[in-house]
């Protein structure tokens, strides 16, 4: 059933930007690593103006979690937006599901099973983001109780402010609310880290994260 996951593959996958220079931002990186392992919260918003190093910071985190931890890595998804290269936020939830499915075969099988039940979930409108997230992420993960005891699974979204729905100028507020609400009590083993500029709509939704 794993080939079904290809239906979720995004139009484009951007690699991380260059990381922080060696021996810089060490306190912030230490805080982020501590938050992943010790914090009870599920969503962390890294906000800052253009040029303040948000992308470099999460790229450093990506490298630490991917390369330095090797097979013990718990980085399940890294999604980067760039308004000039790839900015389609309507693919965000399917991109998360696709990455989760590639990260862990059990998750991939559970998501593929969900797709056999309803292929229509792949192309749901932004107004149905909550339903799409429930069917492609929450519900499949809930079928694997072992995940609760295997450590946090991390999802990083870089440059969320550079994404937008094809029918809008900015990312859908419905989608933003799904991110804050979906990664919570229903998925206590998940950690979502988002970097973006403090645009009004994003600030309103993530102000307490």
N, C-alpha and C. Protein backbone atom coordinates (compact mmCIF):
# COMPACT_ATOMS: atom_id res chain seq x y z
N UNK A 1 0.82 -1.22 0.00
CA UNK A 1 0.00 0.00 0.00
C UNK A 1 0.85 1.27 0.00
N UNK A 2 2.15 1.15 0.28
CA UNK A 2 3.00 2.33 0.39
C UNK A 2 3.02 3.19 -0.87
N UNK A 3 2.92 2.60 -2.10
CA UNK A 3 2.90 3.47 -3.29
C UNK A 3 1.80 4.52 -3.26
N UNK A 4 0.74 4.29 -2.46
CA UNK A 4 -0.32 5.28 -2.35
C UNK A 4 0.21 6.60 -1.79
N UNK A 5 1.30 6.53 -1.02
CA UNK A 5 1.86 7.75 -0.44
C UNK A 5 2.32 8.74 -1.51
N UNK A 6 2.62 8.24 -2.69
CA UNK A 6 3.06 9.12 -3.77
C UNK A 6 1.99 10.13 -4.14
N UNK A 7 0.73 9.80 -3.84
CA UNK A 7 -0.36 10.75 -4.10
C UNK A 7 -0.21 12.01 -3.25
N UNK A 8 0.53 11.89 -2.14
CA UNK A 8 0.69 13.00 -1.20
C UNK A 8 1.94 13.82 -1.48
N UNK A 9 2.79 13.35 -2.37
CA UNK A 9 4.08 14.01 -2.61
C UNK A 9 3.87 15.43 -3.10
N UNK A 10 4.54 16.41 -2.46
CA UNK A 10 4.36 17.80 -2.87
C UNK A 10 4.98 18.08 -4.23
N UNK A 11 4.55 19.16 -4.80
CA UNK A 11 5.06 19.58 -6.11
C UNK A 11 6.57 19.78 -6.08
N UNK A 12 7.07 20.25 -4.95
CA UNK A 12 8.50 20.50 -4.83
C UNK A 12 8.91 20.39 -3.37
N UNK A 13 10.12 19.91 -3.12
CA UNK A 13 10.67 19.82 -1.76
C UNK A 13 11.96 20.62 -1.72
N UNK A 14 11.98 21.69 -0.95
CA UNK A 14 13.16 22.54 -0.86
C UNK A 14 14.07 22.07 0.28
N UNK A 15 15.37 22.03 0.05
CA UNK A 15 16.30 21.67 1.12
C UNK A 15 16.46 22.82 2.10
N UNK A 16 17.01 22.55 3.28
CA UNK A 16 17.25 23.63 4.24
C UNK A 16 18.24 24.66 3.69
N UNK A 17 18.13 25.88 4.17
CA UNK A 17 19.11 26.90 3.86
C UNK A 17 20.40 26.62 4.64
N UNK A 18 21.49 27.33 4.35
CA UNK A 18 22.73 27.11 5.10
C UNK A 18 22.51 27.32 6.61
N UNK A 19 23.14 26.49 7.43
CA UNK A 19 22.96 26.61 8.89
C UNK A 19 23.74 27.79 9.46
N UNK A 20 23.60 27.97 10.76
CA UNK A 20 24.34 29.02 11.46
C UNK A 20 25.84 28.75 11.38
N UNK A 21 26.62 29.79 11.46
CA UNK A 21 28.07 29.63 11.50
C UNK A 21 28.45 28.89 12.77
N UNK A 22 29.56 28.16 12.70
CA UNK A 22 30.02 27.36 13.83
C UNK A 22 30.18 28.22 15.08
N UNK A 23 29.73 27.69 16.20
CA UNK A 23 29.85 28.33 17.52
C UNK A 23 29.01 29.61 17.65
N UNK A 24 27.96 29.73 16.85
CA UNK A 24 27.04 30.86 16.99
C UNK A 24 25.65 30.34 17.36
N UNK A 25 24.86 31.21 17.96
CA UNK A 25 23.47 30.90 18.36
C UNK A 25 23.40 29.67 19.26
N UNK A 26 24.45 29.40 20.00
CA UNK A 26 24.51 28.16 20.78
C UNK A 26 23.44 28.10 21.87
N UNK A 27 23.19 29.22 22.54
CA UNK A 27 22.20 29.23 23.61
C UNK A 27 20.80 28.97 23.05
N UNK A 28 20.50 29.57 21.91
CA UNK A 28 19.18 29.38 21.30
C UNK A 28 19.01 27.94 20.82
N UNK A 29 20.04 27.38 20.23
CA UNK A 29 19.98 26.00 19.76
C UNK A 29 19.80 25.05 20.95
N UNK A 30 20.51 25.32 22.03
CA UNK A 30 20.36 24.50 23.24
C UNK A 30 18.94 24.58 23.77
N UNK A 31 18.36 25.78 23.73
CA UNK A 31 16.98 25.94 24.18
C UNK A 31 16.02 25.13 23.32
N UNK A 32 16.20 25.18 22.01
CA UNK A 32 15.32 24.44 21.11
C UNK A 32 15.41 22.94 21.35
N UNK A 33 16.61 22.43 21.53
CA UNK A 33 16.78 21.00 21.79
C UNK A 33 16.14 20.61 23.11
N UNK A 34 16.28 21.48 24.10
CA UNK A 34 15.66 21.23 25.41
C UNK A 34 14.15 21.26 25.31
N UNK A 35 13.63 22.21 24.53
CA UNK A 35 12.17 22.31 24.35
C UNK A 35 11.62 21.03 23.74
N UNK A 36 12.31 20.49 22.77
CA UNK A 36 11.86 19.27 22.10
C UNK A 36 11.71 18.12 23.09
N UNK A 37 12.68 17.97 23.97
CA UNK A 37 12.69 16.80 24.85
C UNK A 37 11.96 17.00 26.17
N UNK A 38 11.94 18.23 26.68
CA UNK A 38 11.46 18.44 28.05
C UNK A 38 10.16 19.20 28.17
N UNK A 39 9.74 19.91 27.13
CA UNK A 39 8.57 20.79 27.26
C UNK A 39 7.27 20.02 27.05
N UNK A 40 6.23 20.46 27.74
CA UNK A 40 4.92 19.85 27.57
C UNK A 40 4.13 20.46 26.41
N UNK A 41 4.61 21.59 25.90
CA UNK A 41 3.95 22.22 24.77
C UNK A 41 4.26 21.46 23.48
N UNK A 42 3.41 21.64 22.48
CA UNK A 42 3.59 20.91 21.22
C UNK A 42 3.96 21.80 20.05
N UNK A 43 3.77 23.11 20.18
CA UNK A 43 4.03 24.03 19.06
C UNK A 43 4.95 25.15 19.52
N UNK A 44 6.00 25.40 18.75
CA UNK A 44 6.93 26.50 19.05
C UNK A 44 7.06 27.36 17.80
N UNK A 45 6.80 28.65 17.97
CA UNK A 45 6.87 29.60 16.85
C UNK A 45 8.13 30.44 16.98
N UNK A 46 9.04 30.35 16.02
CA UNK A 46 10.25 31.16 15.97
C UNK A 46 9.97 32.35 15.06
N UNK A 47 9.74 33.50 15.66
CA UNK A 47 9.33 34.68 14.91
C UNK A 47 10.46 35.70 14.84
N UNK A 48 10.56 36.39 13.73
CA UNK A 48 11.57 37.43 13.59
C UNK A 48 11.45 38.12 12.25
N UNK A 49 12.01 39.32 12.17
CA UNK A 49 12.00 40.07 10.93
C UNK A 49 12.93 39.43 9.90
N UNK A 50 12.83 39.87 8.67
CA UNK A 50 13.69 39.35 7.61
C UNK A 50 15.15 39.58 7.95
N UNK A 51 15.97 38.57 7.72
CA UNK A 51 17.40 38.70 7.93
C UNK A 51 17.88 38.47 9.34
N UNK A 52 16.99 38.03 10.24
CA UNK A 52 17.39 37.81 11.63
C UNK A 52 17.89 36.40 11.89
N UNK A 53 17.94 35.56 10.87
CA UNK A 53 18.55 34.24 11.02
C UNK A 53 17.61 33.11 11.39
N UNK A 54 16.32 33.29 11.15
CA UNK A 54 15.35 32.24 11.50
C UNK A 54 15.63 30.96 10.72
N UNK A 55 15.82 31.11 9.41
CA UNK A 55 16.05 29.92 8.57
C UNK A 55 17.36 29.24 8.91
N UNK A 56 18.39 30.02 9.18
CA UNK A 56 19.68 29.44 9.56
C UNK A 56 19.54 28.64 10.86
N UNK A 57 18.73 29.16 11.76
CA UNK A 57 18.53 28.51 13.05
C UNK A 57 17.84 27.15 12.88
N UNK A 58 16.73 27.13 12.13
CA UNK A 58 16.03 25.85 11.97
C UNK A 58 16.82 24.91 11.06
N UNK A 59 17.65 25.45 10.18
CA UNK A 59 18.51 24.60 9.36
C UNK A 59 19.57 23.93 10.22
N UNK A 60 20.09 24.66 11.19
CA UNK A 60 21.03 24.07 12.14
C UNK A 60 20.36 22.96 12.94
N UNK A 61 19.14 23.22 13.36
CA UNK A 61 18.37 22.22 14.09
C UNK A 61 18.14 20.99 13.21
N UNK A 62 17.81 21.22 11.95
CA UNK A 62 17.64 20.12 10.99
C UNK A 62 18.90 19.27 10.92
N UNK A 63 20.06 19.91 10.81
CA UNK A 63 21.31 19.17 10.69
C UNK A 63 21.62 18.38 11.96
N UNK A 64 21.38 19.00 13.11
CA UNK A 64 21.62 18.31 14.39
C UNK A 64 20.74 17.07 14.51
N UNK A 65 19.48 17.23 14.16
CA UNK A 65 18.53 16.13 14.31
C UNK A 65 18.72 15.06 13.24
N UNK A 66 19.16 15.45 12.06
CA UNK A 66 19.27 14.50 10.95
C UNK A 66 20.61 13.78 10.91
N UNK A 67 21.69 14.55 10.96
CA UNK A 67 23.00 13.98 10.71
C UNK A 67 23.72 13.55 11.98
N UNK A 68 23.61 14.34 13.03
CA UNK A 68 24.35 14.03 14.25
C UNK A 68 23.69 12.93 15.07
N UNK A 69 22.39 12.74 14.89
CA UNK A 69 21.69 11.69 15.63
C UNK A 69 21.58 10.40 14.83
N UNK A 70 21.84 10.47 13.53
CA UNK A 70 21.84 9.27 12.70
C UNK A 70 20.53 8.51 12.76
N UNK A 71 20.63 7.20 13.02
CA UNK A 71 19.44 6.35 13.05
C UNK A 71 18.51 6.68 14.21
N UNK A 72 19.00 7.45 15.17
CA UNK A 72 18.16 7.83 16.32
C UNK A 72 17.38 9.12 16.04
N UNK A 73 17.52 9.65 14.85
CA UNK A 73 16.86 10.92 14.52
C UNK A 73 15.35 10.80 14.67
N UNK A 74 14.75 11.85 15.22
CA UNK A 74 13.30 11.90 15.38
C UNK A 74 12.71 13.03 14.53
N UNK A 75 13.50 13.54 13.59
CA UNK A 75 12.99 14.57 12.67
C UNK A 75 12.16 13.89 11.60
N UNK A 76 10.85 14.00 11.72
CA UNK A 76 9.94 13.29 10.82
C UNK A 76 9.61 14.08 9.56
N UNK A 77 9.73 15.41 9.63
CA UNK A 77 9.38 16.23 8.46
C UNK A 77 10.09 17.57 8.52
N UNK A 78 10.61 18.01 7.38
CA UNK A 78 11.17 19.35 7.25
C UNK A 78 10.59 19.94 5.96
N UNK A 79 9.85 21.02 6.10
CA UNK A 79 9.18 21.65 4.96
C UNK A 79 9.58 23.11 4.90
N UNK A 80 10.12 23.54 3.77
CA UNK A 80 10.55 24.94 3.63
C UNK A 80 9.80 25.61 2.49
N UNK A 81 9.37 26.83 2.76
CA UNK A 81 8.70 27.64 1.74
C UNK A 81 9.60 28.79 1.31
N UNK A 82 9.46 29.15 0.05
CA UNK A 82 10.16 30.28 -0.53
C UNK A 82 9.22 30.88 -1.58
N UNK A 83 8.87 32.14 -1.43
CA UNK A 83 7.85 32.72 -2.31
C UNK A 83 8.26 32.68 -3.79
N UNK A 84 9.57 32.57 -4.06
CA UNK A 84 10.02 32.53 -5.45
C UNK A 84 10.21 31.12 -6.00
N UNK A 85 10.29 30.14 -5.10
CA UNK A 85 10.58 28.77 -5.53
C UNK A 85 9.44 27.80 -5.29
N UNK A 86 8.83 27.90 -4.12
CA UNK A 86 7.72 27.01 -3.79
C UNK A 86 6.94 27.62 -2.64
N UNK A 87 5.66 27.88 -2.86
CA UNK A 87 4.88 28.61 -1.85
C UNK A 87 3.47 28.07 -1.66
N UNK A 88 3.17 26.89 -2.17
CA UNK A 88 1.81 26.37 -2.17
C UNK A 88 1.43 25.78 -0.81
N UNK A 89 0.76 26.57 0.02
CA UNK A 89 0.38 26.09 1.35
C UNK A 89 -0.76 25.09 1.31
N UNK A 90 -1.46 24.98 0.19
CA UNK A 90 -2.55 24.01 0.11
C UNK A 90 -2.03 22.57 0.17
N UNK A 91 -0.72 22.40 -0.02
CA UNK A 91 -0.11 21.07 0.05
C UNK A 91 0.54 20.79 1.41
N UNK A 92 0.37 21.68 2.37
CA UNK A 92 1.11 21.54 3.63
C UNK A 92 0.73 20.27 4.38
N UNK A 93 -0.55 20.03 4.58
CA UNK A 93 -0.96 18.86 5.36
C UNK A 93 -0.58 17.57 4.65
N UNK A 94 -0.78 17.51 3.34
CA UNK A 94 -0.38 16.31 2.61
C UNK A 94 1.14 16.15 2.63
N UNK A 95 1.88 17.25 2.64
CA UNK A 95 3.34 17.18 2.73
C UNK A 95 3.78 16.61 4.07
N UNK A 96 3.12 17.04 5.14
CA UNK A 96 3.42 16.51 6.47
C UNK A 96 3.14 15.01 6.50
N UNK A 97 1.97 14.61 5.99
CA UNK A 97 1.61 13.19 5.97
C UNK A 97 2.60 12.38 5.13
N UNK A 98 3.00 12.93 4.00
CA UNK A 98 3.96 12.25 3.12
C UNK A 98 5.29 12.03 3.83
N UNK A 99 5.78 13.06 4.50
CA UNK A 99 7.05 12.96 5.21
C UNK A 99 6.96 11.98 6.38
N UNK A 100 5.87 12.04 7.12
CA UNK A 100 5.68 11.10 8.23
C UNK A 100 5.67 9.66 7.72
N UNK A 101 4.99 9.45 6.59
CA UNK A 101 4.92 8.11 6.02
C UNK A 101 6.25 7.58 5.55
N UNK A 102 7.11 8.45 5.05
CA UNK A 102 8.45 8.03 4.64
C UNK A 102 9.36 7.79 5.84
N UNK A 103 9.10 8.53 6.92
CA UNK A 103 9.96 8.43 8.09
C UNK A 103 9.81 7.08 8.80
N UNK A 104 8.59 6.59 8.89
CA UNK A 104 8.32 5.38 9.68
C UNK A 104 7.36 4.50 8.88
N UNK A 105 7.76 3.27 8.64
CA UNK A 105 6.94 2.38 7.81
C UNK A 105 5.57 2.14 8.43
N UNK A 106 5.51 2.06 9.76
CA UNK A 106 4.21 1.86 10.41
C UNK A 106 3.27 3.02 10.11
N UNK A 107 3.81 4.23 10.16
CA UNK A 107 3.00 5.42 9.87
C UNK A 107 2.60 5.42 8.40
N UNK A 108 3.55 5.07 7.54
CA UNK A 108 3.25 5.02 6.11
C UNK A 108 2.13 4.05 5.79
N UNK A 109 2.17 2.89 6.44
CA UNK A 109 1.11 1.90 6.21
C UNK A 109 -0.24 2.41 6.70
N UNK A 110 -0.23 3.10 7.85
CA UNK A 110 -1.48 3.62 8.41
C UNK A 110 -2.06 4.72 7.53
N UNK A 111 -1.20 5.59 7.00
CA UNK A 111 -1.67 6.66 6.12
C UNK A 111 -2.16 6.09 4.79
N UNK A 112 -1.44 5.08 4.28
CA UNK A 112 -1.88 4.43 3.04
C UNK A 112 -3.24 3.78 3.22
N UNK A 113 -3.46 3.20 4.39
CA UNK A 113 -4.77 2.60 4.69
C UNK A 113 -5.86 3.67 4.67
N UNK A 114 -5.54 4.84 5.23
CA UNK A 114 -6.51 5.95 5.22
C UNK A 114 -6.83 6.38 3.79
N UNK A 115 -5.82 6.35 2.93
CA UNK A 115 -6.03 6.75 1.53
C UNK A 115 -6.88 5.75 0.77
N UNK A 116 -6.79 4.48 1.14
CA UNK A 116 -7.64 3.49 0.47
C UNK A 116 -9.10 3.71 0.82
N UNK A 117 -9.35 4.27 1.99
CA UNK A 117 -10.72 4.54 2.42
C UNK A 117 -11.28 5.77 1.72
N UNK A 118 -10.43 6.80 1.56
CA UNK A 118 -10.91 8.03 0.93
C UNK A 118 -9.77 8.74 0.22
N UNK A 119 -9.65 8.54 -1.09
CA UNK A 119 -8.61 9.21 -1.87
C UNK A 119 -8.90 10.70 -1.99
N UNK A 120 -10.16 11.09 -1.74
CA UNK A 120 -10.54 12.50 -1.89
C UNK A 120 -9.85 13.39 -0.88
N UNK A 121 -9.31 12.81 0.20
CA UNK A 121 -8.64 13.62 1.22
C UNK A 121 -7.42 14.34 0.66
N UNK A 122 -6.85 13.83 -0.42
CA UNK A 122 -5.63 14.42 -0.99
C UNK A 122 -5.89 15.83 -1.51
N UNK A 123 -7.06 16.06 -2.07
CA UNK A 123 -7.35 17.33 -2.74
C UNK A 123 -8.41 18.15 -2.02
N UNK A 124 -8.48 18.05 -0.72
CA UNK A 124 -9.47 18.82 0.02
C UNK A 124 -9.15 20.31 -0.02
N UNK A 125 -10.18 21.14 0.00
CA UNK A 125 -10.02 22.59 -0.02
C UNK A 125 -9.47 23.09 1.32
N UNK A 126 -8.83 24.28 1.34
CA UNK A 126 -8.31 24.83 2.60
C UNK A 126 -9.36 24.92 3.70
N UNK A 127 -10.61 25.13 3.33
CA UNK A 127 -11.67 25.22 4.33
C UNK A 127 -11.92 23.88 5.02
N UNK A 128 -11.38 22.81 4.44
CA UNK A 128 -11.51 21.47 5.02
C UNK A 128 -10.20 20.99 5.64
N UNK A 129 -9.33 21.92 5.97
CA UNK A 129 -8.01 21.57 6.51
C UNK A 129 -8.10 20.72 7.76
N UNK A 130 -9.06 21.04 8.62
CA UNK A 130 -9.20 20.30 9.87
C UNK A 130 -9.54 18.84 9.61
N UNK A 131 -10.47 18.60 8.70
CA UNK A 131 -10.84 17.23 8.35
C UNK A 131 -9.68 16.50 7.69
N UNK A 132 -8.98 17.18 6.80
CA UNK A 132 -7.84 16.58 6.12
C UNK A 132 -6.75 16.19 7.11
N UNK A 133 -6.46 17.08 8.07
CA UNK A 133 -5.43 16.79 9.07
C UNK A 133 -5.85 15.60 9.92
N UNK A 134 -7.12 15.56 10.30
CA UNK A 134 -7.60 14.45 11.13
C UNK A 134 -7.46 13.12 10.40
N UNK A 135 -7.84 13.08 9.13
CA UNK A 135 -7.85 11.83 8.38
C UNK A 135 -6.46 11.37 7.96
N UNK A 136 -5.57 12.32 7.65
CA UNK A 136 -4.25 11.95 7.12
C UNK A 136 -3.14 11.94 8.16
N UNK A 137 -3.35 12.61 9.29
CA UNK A 137 -2.30 12.69 10.30
C UNK A 137 -2.78 12.16 11.66
N UNK A 138 -3.74 12.81 12.26
CA UNK A 138 -4.17 12.43 13.61
C UNK A 138 -4.64 10.98 13.69
N UNK A 139 -5.57 10.62 12.84
CA UNK A 139 -6.18 9.29 12.92
C UNK A 139 -5.17 8.17 12.64
N UNK A 140 -4.35 8.26 11.59
CA UNK A 140 -3.35 7.21 11.36
C UNK A 140 -2.35 7.09 12.51
N UNK A 141 -1.88 8.22 13.05
CA UNK A 141 -0.93 8.15 14.16
C UNK A 141 -1.55 7.52 15.39
N UNK A 142 -2.84 7.75 15.59
CA UNK A 142 -3.53 7.19 16.76
C UNK A 142 -3.63 5.67 16.70
N UNK A 143 -3.46 5.09 15.52
CA UNK A 143 -3.53 3.64 15.40
C UNK A 143 -2.21 2.96 15.79
N UNK A 144 -1.20 3.76 16.14
CA UNK A 144 0.11 3.21 16.50
C UNK A 144 0.44 3.66 17.92
N UNK A 145 -0.11 3.00 18.94
CA UNK A 145 0.08 3.44 20.33
C UNK A 145 1.53 3.44 20.78
N UNK A 146 2.38 2.63 20.12
CA UNK A 146 3.79 2.57 20.51
C UNK A 146 4.50 3.90 20.36
N UNK A 147 4.00 4.75 19.48
CA UNK A 147 4.63 6.05 19.26
C UNK A 147 4.66 6.90 20.52
N UNK A 148 3.72 6.66 21.41
CA UNK A 148 3.65 7.44 22.65
C UNK A 148 4.91 7.29 23.50
N UNK A 149 5.60 6.15 23.36
CA UNK A 149 6.72 5.85 24.24
C UNK A 149 8.07 5.85 23.52
N UNK A 150 8.12 6.34 22.31
CA UNK A 150 9.35 6.27 21.53
C UNK A 150 10.05 7.62 21.38
N UNK A 151 9.60 8.61 22.11
CA UNK A 151 10.22 9.93 22.03
C UNK A 151 9.48 10.84 21.07
N UNK A 152 9.73 12.13 21.16
CA UNK A 152 9.01 13.09 20.33
C UNK A 152 9.34 12.96 18.85
N UNK A 153 8.31 13.12 18.03
CA UNK A 153 8.47 13.21 16.58
C UNK A 153 8.41 14.68 16.20
N UNK A 154 9.38 15.15 15.44
CA UNK A 154 9.52 16.58 15.19
C UNK A 154 9.17 16.92 13.74
N UNK A 155 8.37 17.96 13.59
CA UNK A 155 8.03 18.53 12.28
C UNK A 155 8.49 19.98 12.27
N UNK A 156 9.29 20.37 11.29
CA UNK A 156 9.78 21.74 11.16
C UNK A 156 9.23 22.35 9.88
N UNK A 157 8.64 23.54 10.00
CA UNK A 157 8.16 24.29 8.84
C UNK A 157 8.89 25.62 8.81
N UNK A 158 9.70 25.83 7.81
CA UNK A 158 10.51 27.05 7.69
C UNK A 158 9.89 27.99 6.66
N UNK A 159 9.77 29.26 7.04
CA UNK A 159 9.27 30.27 6.11
C UNK A 159 7.78 30.18 5.86
N UNK A 160 7.01 29.92 6.90
CA UNK A 160 5.56 29.79 6.72
C UNK A 160 4.94 31.05 6.13
N UNK A 161 5.52 32.21 6.45
CA UNK A 161 4.99 33.47 5.92
C UNK A 161 5.18 33.60 4.41
N UNK A 162 6.06 32.78 3.83
CA UNK A 162 6.30 32.83 2.39
C UNK A 162 5.40 31.87 1.62
N UNK A 163 4.48 31.24 2.35
CA UNK A 163 3.52 30.34 1.70
C UNK A 163 2.18 31.03 1.54
N UNK A 164 1.38 30.53 0.62
CA UNK A 164 0.03 31.06 0.46
C UNK A 164 -0.82 30.05 -0.28
N UNK A 165 -2.11 30.13 -0.07
CA UNK A 165 -3.04 29.30 -0.82
C UNK A 165 -3.14 29.85 -2.23
N UNK A 166 -3.22 29.01 -3.25
CA UNK A 166 -3.29 29.51 -4.63
C UNK A 166 -4.43 30.50 -4.88
N UNK A 167 -5.49 30.41 -4.09
CA UNK A 167 -6.64 31.30 -4.28
C UNK A 167 -6.59 32.54 -3.39
N UNK A 168 -5.53 32.65 -2.56
CA UNK A 168 -5.41 33.79 -1.67
C UNK A 168 -4.01 34.37 -1.77
N UNK A 169 -3.82 35.55 -1.17
CA UNK A 169 -2.49 36.17 -1.16
C UNK A 169 -1.64 35.65 -0.01
N UNK A 170 -2.28 35.07 0.99
CA UNK A 170 -1.56 34.61 2.17
C UNK A 170 -2.02 33.20 2.54
N UNK A 171 -1.33 32.62 3.50
CA UNK A 171 -1.71 31.31 3.98
C UNK A 171 -3.08 31.39 4.65
N UNK A 172 -3.89 30.36 4.47
CA UNK A 172 -5.24 30.33 5.02
C UNK A 172 -5.21 30.32 6.55
N UNK A 173 -6.07 31.15 7.16
CA UNK A 173 -6.15 31.16 8.62
C UNK A 173 -6.70 29.84 9.14
N UNK A 174 -7.57 29.20 8.37
CA UNK A 174 -8.07 27.88 8.76
C UNK A 174 -6.91 26.90 8.91
N UNK A 175 -5.97 26.96 7.98
CA UNK A 175 -4.82 26.06 8.03
C UNK A 175 -3.94 26.37 9.24
N UNK A 176 -3.73 27.65 9.52
CA UNK A 176 -2.92 28.04 10.68
C UNK A 176 -3.53 27.50 11.97
N UNK A 177 -4.83 27.58 12.09
CA UNK A 177 -5.50 27.09 13.30
C UNK A 177 -5.40 25.58 13.42
N UNK A 178 -5.41 24.90 12.29
CA UNK A 178 -5.23 23.44 12.32
C UNK A 178 -3.87 23.09 12.89
N UNK A 179 -2.85 23.85 12.54
CA UNK A 179 -1.51 23.59 13.05
C UNK A 179 -1.44 23.77 14.56
N UNK A 180 -2.05 24.83 15.07
CA UNK A 180 -1.99 25.07 16.52
C UNK A 180 -2.86 24.09 17.28
N UNK A 181 -4.00 23.73 16.72
CA UNK A 181 -4.92 22.83 17.42
C UNK A 181 -4.58 21.35 17.21
N UNK A 182 -4.09 21.02 16.02
CA UNK A 182 -3.86 19.62 15.69
C UNK A 182 -2.68 19.01 16.43
N UNK A 183 -1.62 19.80 16.60
CA UNK A 183 -0.46 19.32 17.34
C UNK A 183 -0.66 19.70 18.80
N UNK A 184 -1.34 18.87 19.53
CA UNK A 184 -1.68 19.20 20.91
C UNK A 184 -1.99 17.94 21.69
N UNK A 185 -3.06 17.97 22.46
CA UNK A 185 -3.39 16.85 23.33
C UNK A 185 -3.62 15.56 22.56
N UNK A 186 -4.15 15.67 21.35
CA UNK A 186 -4.41 14.45 20.57
C UNK A 186 -3.12 13.77 20.12
N UNK A 187 -2.04 14.55 20.00
CA UNK A 187 -0.74 14.01 19.56
C UNK A 187 0.35 14.51 20.51
N UNK A 188 0.35 14.08 21.75
CA UNK A 188 1.30 14.63 22.74
C UNK A 188 2.76 14.31 22.45
N UNK A 189 3.02 13.34 21.58
CA UNK A 189 4.40 12.97 21.26
C UNK A 189 4.93 13.75 20.05
N UNK A 190 4.13 14.63 19.47
CA UNK A 190 4.56 15.41 18.32
C UNK A 190 5.07 16.78 18.75
N UNK A 191 6.06 17.30 18.03
CA UNK A 191 6.58 18.65 18.25
C UNK A 191 6.60 19.37 16.90
N UNK A 192 5.98 20.53 16.87
CA UNK A 192 5.94 21.35 15.66
C UNK A 192 6.72 22.63 15.89
N UNK A 193 7.73 22.88 15.06
CA UNK A 193 8.53 24.10 15.13
C UNK A 193 8.32 24.87 13.83
N UNK A 194 7.89 26.12 13.96
CA UNK A 194 7.59 26.95 12.80
C UNK A 194 8.44 28.21 12.84
N UNK A 195 9.01 28.59 11.72
CA UNK A 195 9.70 29.88 11.62
C UNK A 195 8.96 30.75 10.62
N UNK A 196 8.81 32.03 10.95
CA UNK A 196 8.15 32.96 10.03
C UNK A 196 8.37 34.39 10.49
N UNK A 197 8.11 35.31 9.60
CA UNK A 197 8.03 36.71 10.00
C UNK A 197 6.73 36.91 10.79
N UNK A 198 6.68 37.94 11.61
CA UNK A 198 5.49 38.16 12.45
C UNK A 198 4.36 38.85 11.69
N UNK A 199 3.92 38.25 10.60
CA UNK A 199 2.80 38.83 9.86
C UNK A 199 1.53 38.76 10.71
N UNK A 200 0.62 39.70 10.46
CA UNK A 200 -0.52 39.89 11.35
C UNK A 200 -1.33 38.61 11.55
N UNK A 201 -1.69 37.95 10.46
CA UNK A 201 -2.52 36.75 10.58
C UNK A 201 -1.80 35.65 11.35
N UNK A 202 -0.53 35.45 11.05
CA UNK A 202 0.25 34.42 11.72
C UNK A 202 0.42 34.77 13.19
N UNK A 203 0.70 36.03 13.48
CA UNK A 203 0.88 36.47 14.87
C UNK A 203 -0.39 36.24 15.68
N UNK A 204 -1.52 36.51 15.08
CA UNK A 204 -2.79 36.36 15.78
C UNK A 204 -3.03 34.90 16.19
N UNK A 205 -2.66 33.98 15.33
CA UNK A 205 -2.91 32.57 15.61
C UNK A 205 -1.86 31.97 16.54
N UNK A 206 -0.59 32.37 16.35
CA UNK A 206 0.50 31.75 17.09
C UNK A 206 1.01 32.58 18.27
N UNK A 207 0.31 33.61 18.66
CA UNK A 207 0.81 34.53 19.68
C UNK A 207 1.12 33.85 21.01
N UNK A 208 0.46 32.75 21.31
CA UNK A 208 0.68 32.06 22.58
C UNK A 208 1.61 30.86 22.46
N UNK A 209 2.22 30.70 21.28
CA UNK A 209 3.11 29.54 21.06
C UNK A 209 4.57 29.92 21.29
